[in-house]
Amino acid sequence: MKFIINNLEWSVSFVISFDDASGTETLGETHYKDLEILILQNLDYQMRRRTVMHEVTHAFLFSYGLDSADYDEEFVCRFMESHAEQIIKTTDAILNSLRG
């Protein structure tokens, strides 16, 4: 599925596994260079929703030119008041695309 954030076209795909040599469990990845989100496909619905929302939030931050050095508690609150509805709508659209 493809979607637009701040005039950037992103894609999301569901994958069987991640190659993670560190031994940590990866549920999703956001690849900024490729404007791509990858989500582990065998997650239950609640964990899939949380993971999609998490990765979409990374995509929103990147699409608005924000770097992790920019974040403090007040910034996060302001960012969410501005973008939370669209992050949730995007998450729901991605999950709904899996149904049919």
C-alpha atoms as a PDB file:
ATOM      1  CA  MET A   1       0.000   0.000   0.000  1.00  0.00           C
ATOM      2  CA  LYS A   2       1.128   3.553  -0.698  1.00  0.00           C
ATOM      3  CA  PHE A   3       0.271   6.739   1.187  1.00  0.00           C
ATOM      4  CA  ILE A   4       1.369  10.381   1.231  1.00  0.00           C
ATOM      5  CA  ILE A   5       2.862  12.332   4.127  1.00  0.00           C
ATOM      6  CA  ASN A   6       3.785  15.964   3.490  1.00  0.00           C
ATOM      7  CA  ASN A   7       4.041  15.331  -0.284  1.00  0.00           C
ATOM      8  CA  LEU A   8       6.275  12.256   0.140  1.00  0.00           C
ATOM      9  CA  GLU A   9       4.947   8.932  -1.132  1.00  0.00           C
ATOM     10  CA  TRP A  10       5.579   6.079   1.293  1.00  0.00           C
ATOM     11  CA  SER A  11       4.918   2.379   0.875  1.00  0.00           C
ATOM     12  CA  VAL A  12       4.207  -0.268   3.471  1.00  0.00           C
ATOM     13  CA  SER A  13       4.787  -3.995   3.065  1.00  0.00           C
ATOM     14  CA  PHE A  14       4.370  -6.975   5.331  1.00  0.00           C
ATOM     15  CA  VAL A  15       7.297  -9.387   5.545  1.00  0.00           C
ATOM     16  CA  ILE A  16       7.835 -12.907   6.861  1.00  0.00           C
ATOM     17  CA  SER A  17      10.957 -12.042   8.870  1.00  0.00           C
ATOM     18  CA  PHE A  18      13.782  -9.574   9.358  1.00  0.00           C
ATOM     19  CA  ASP A  19      17.480 -10.319   9.134  1.00  0.00           C
ATOM     20  CA  ASP A  20      18.552  -9.062  12.543  1.00  0.00           C
ATOM     21  CA  ALA A  21      22.010 -10.233  13.556  1.00  0.00           C
ATOM     22  CA  SER A  22      21.763  -8.479  16.941  1.00  0.00           C
ATOM     23  CA  GLY A  23      19.339 -11.104  18.247  1.00  0.00           C
ATOM     24  CA  THR A  24      16.676  -8.541  19.135  1.00  0.00           C
ATOM     25  CA  GLU A  25      13.157  -9.107  17.894  1.00  0.00           C
ATOM     26  CA  THR A  26      12.222  -6.624  15.178  1.00  0.00           C
ATOM     27  CA  LEU A  27       8.503  -6.052  14.576  1.00  0.00           C
ATOM     28  CA  GLY A  28       8.803  -3.218  12.071  1.00  0.00           C
ATOM     29  CA  GLU A  29      11.310  -1.021  10.288  1.00  0.00           C
ATOM     30  CA  THR A  30      11.152   2.396   8.647  1.00  0.00           C
ATOM     31  CA  HIS A  31      13.603   2.935   5.790  1.00  0.00           C
ATOM     32  CA  TYR A  32      13.841   6.673   5.279  1.00  0.00           C
ATOM     33  CA  LYS A  33      15.999   6.576   2.143  1.00  0.00           C
ATOM     34  CA  ASP A  34      13.472   4.366   0.351  1.00  0.00           C
ATOM     35  CA  LEU A  35      10.344   5.886   1.976  1.00  0.00           C
ATOM     36  CA  GLU A  36       9.359   2.367   2.963  1.00  0.00           C
ATOM     37  CA  ILE A  37       7.875   0.727   6.038  1.00  0.00           C
ATOM     38  CA  LEU A  38       8.195  -3.001   6.650  1.00  0.00           C
ATOM     39  CA  ILE A  39       6.026  -4.804   9.205  1.00  0.00           C
ATOM     40  CA  LEU A  40       6.313  -8.387  10.416  1.00  0.00           C
ATOM     41  CA  GLN A  41       3.242 -10.136   9.035  1.00  0.00           C
ATOM     42  CA  ASN A  42       2.542 -12.799  11.659  1.00  0.00           C
ATOM     43  CA  LEU A  43       1.591 -10.426  14.496  1.00  0.00           C
ATOM     44  CA  ASP A  44      -1.774 -10.604  16.215  1.00  0.00           C
ATOM     45  CA  TYR A  45      -4.099  -7.693  15.417  1.00  0.00           C
ATOM     46  CA  GLN A  46      -3.321  -5.573  18.482  1.00  0.00           C
ATOM     47  CA  MET A  47       0.462  -5.904  18.101  1.00  0.00           C
ATOM     48  CA  ARG A  48       0.195  -5.286  14.330  1.00  0.00           C
ATOM     49  CA  ARG A  49      -1.808  -2.096  14.986  1.00  0.00           C
ATOM     50  CA  ARG A  50       0.708  -0.843  17.542  1.00  0.00           C
ATOM     51  CA  THR A  51       3.646  -1.648  15.264  1.00  0.00           C
ATOM     52  CA  VAL A  52       2.073   0.016  12.216  1.00  0.00           C
ATOM     53  CA  MET A  53       1.259   3.115  14.276  1.00  0.00           C
ATOM     54  CA  HIS A  54       4.811   3.190  15.668  1.00  0.00           C
ATOM     55  CA  GLU A  55       6.423   2.970  12.223  1.00  0.00           C
ATOM     56  CA  VAL A  56       3.963   5.455  10.671  1.00  0.00           C
ATOM     57  CA  THR A  57       4.910   7.910  13.428  1.00  0.00           C
ATOM     58  CA  HIS A  58       8.577   7.519  12.438  1.00  0.00           C
ATOM     59  CA  ALA A  59       7.543   8.252   8.835  1.00  0.00           C
ATOM     60  CA  PHE A  60       5.630  11.382   9.899  1.00  0.00           C
ATOM     61  CA  LEU A  61       8.595  12.690  11.880  1.00  0.00           C
ATOM     62  CA  PHE A  62      10.956  12.106   8.953  1.00  0.00           C
ATOM     63  CA  SER A  63       8.507  13.577   6.418  1.00  0.00           C
ATOM     64  CA  TYR A  64       8.370  16.807   8.398  1.00  0.00           C
ATOM     65  CA  GLY A  65      12.166  17.004   8.615  1.00  0.00           C
ATOM     66  CA  LEU A  66      12.440  16.225  12.302  1.00  0.00           C
ATOM     67  CA  ASP A  67      15.473  14.630  13.899  1.00  0.00           C
ATOM     68  CA  SER A  68      15.552  12.863  17.261  1.00  0.00           C
ATOM     69  CA  ALA A  69      17.742  15.659  18.635  1.00  0.00           C
ATOM     70  CA  ASP A  70      14.686  17.942  18.247  1.00  0.00           C
ATOM     71  CA  TYR A  71      12.482  16.047  20.696  1.00  0.00           C
ATOM     72  CA  ASP A  72      11.529  16.904  24.234  1.00  0.00           C
ATOM     73  CA  GLU A  73       8.305  16.215  26.093  1.00  0.00           C
ATOM     74  CA  GLU A  74       6.603  19.446  25.016  1.00  0.00           C
ATOM     75  CA  PHE A  75       7.624  18.890  21.398  1.00  0.00           C
ATOM     76  CA  VAL A  76       6.146  15.383  21.396  1.00  0.00           C
ATOM     77  CA  CYS A  77       2.860  16.735  22.779  1.00  0.00           C
ATOM     78  CA  ARG A  78       2.703  19.496  20.171  1.00  0.00           C
ATOM     79  CA  PHE A  79       3.563  17.078  17.364  1.00  0.00           C
ATOM     80  CA  MET A  80       0.851  14.657  18.452  1.00  0.00           C
ATOM     81  CA  GLU A  81      -1.801  17.376  18.776  1.00  0.00           C
ATOM     82  CA  SER A  82      -0.995  18.325  15.178  1.00  0.00           C
ATOM     83  CA  HIS A  83      -0.623  14.865  13.616  1.00  0.00           C
ATOM     84  CA  ALA A  84      -2.213  12.172  15.805  1.00  0.00           C
ATOM     85  CA  GLU A  85      -5.489  12.073  13.880  1.00  0.00           C
ATOM     86  CA  GLN A  86      -3.699  11.608  10.557  1.00  0.00           C
ATOM     87  CA  ILE A  87      -1.353   8.992  12.045  1.00  0.00           C
ATOM     88  CA  ILE A  88      -4.387   7.029  13.285  1.00  0.00           C
ATOM     89  CA  LYS A  89      -6.218   7.410   9.947  1.00  0.00           C
ATOM     90  CA  THR A  90      -3.137   6.215   8.063  1.00  0.00           C
ATOM     91  CA  THR A  91      -2.742   3.266  10.435  1.00  0.00           C
ATOM     92  CA  ASP A  92      -6.400   2.309   9.963  1.00  0.00           C
ATOM     93  CA  ALA A  93      -6.122   2.585   6.164  1.00  0.00           C
ATOM     94  CA  ILE A  94      -3.079   0.289   6.154  1.00  0.00           C
ATOM     95  CA  LEU A  95      -4.801  -2.283   8.362  1.00  0.00           C
ATOM     96  CA  ASN A  96      -8.017  -2.087   6.334  1.00  0.00           C
ATOM     97  CA  SER A  97      -6.063  -2.704   3.118  1.00  0.00           C
ATOM     98  CA  LEU A  98      -5.127  -6.130   4.504  1.00  0.00           C
ATOM     99  CA  ARG A  99      -8.777  -7.151   4.734  1.00  0.00           C
ATOM    100  CA  GLY A 100      -9.608  -6.970   1.139  1.00  0.00           C
END
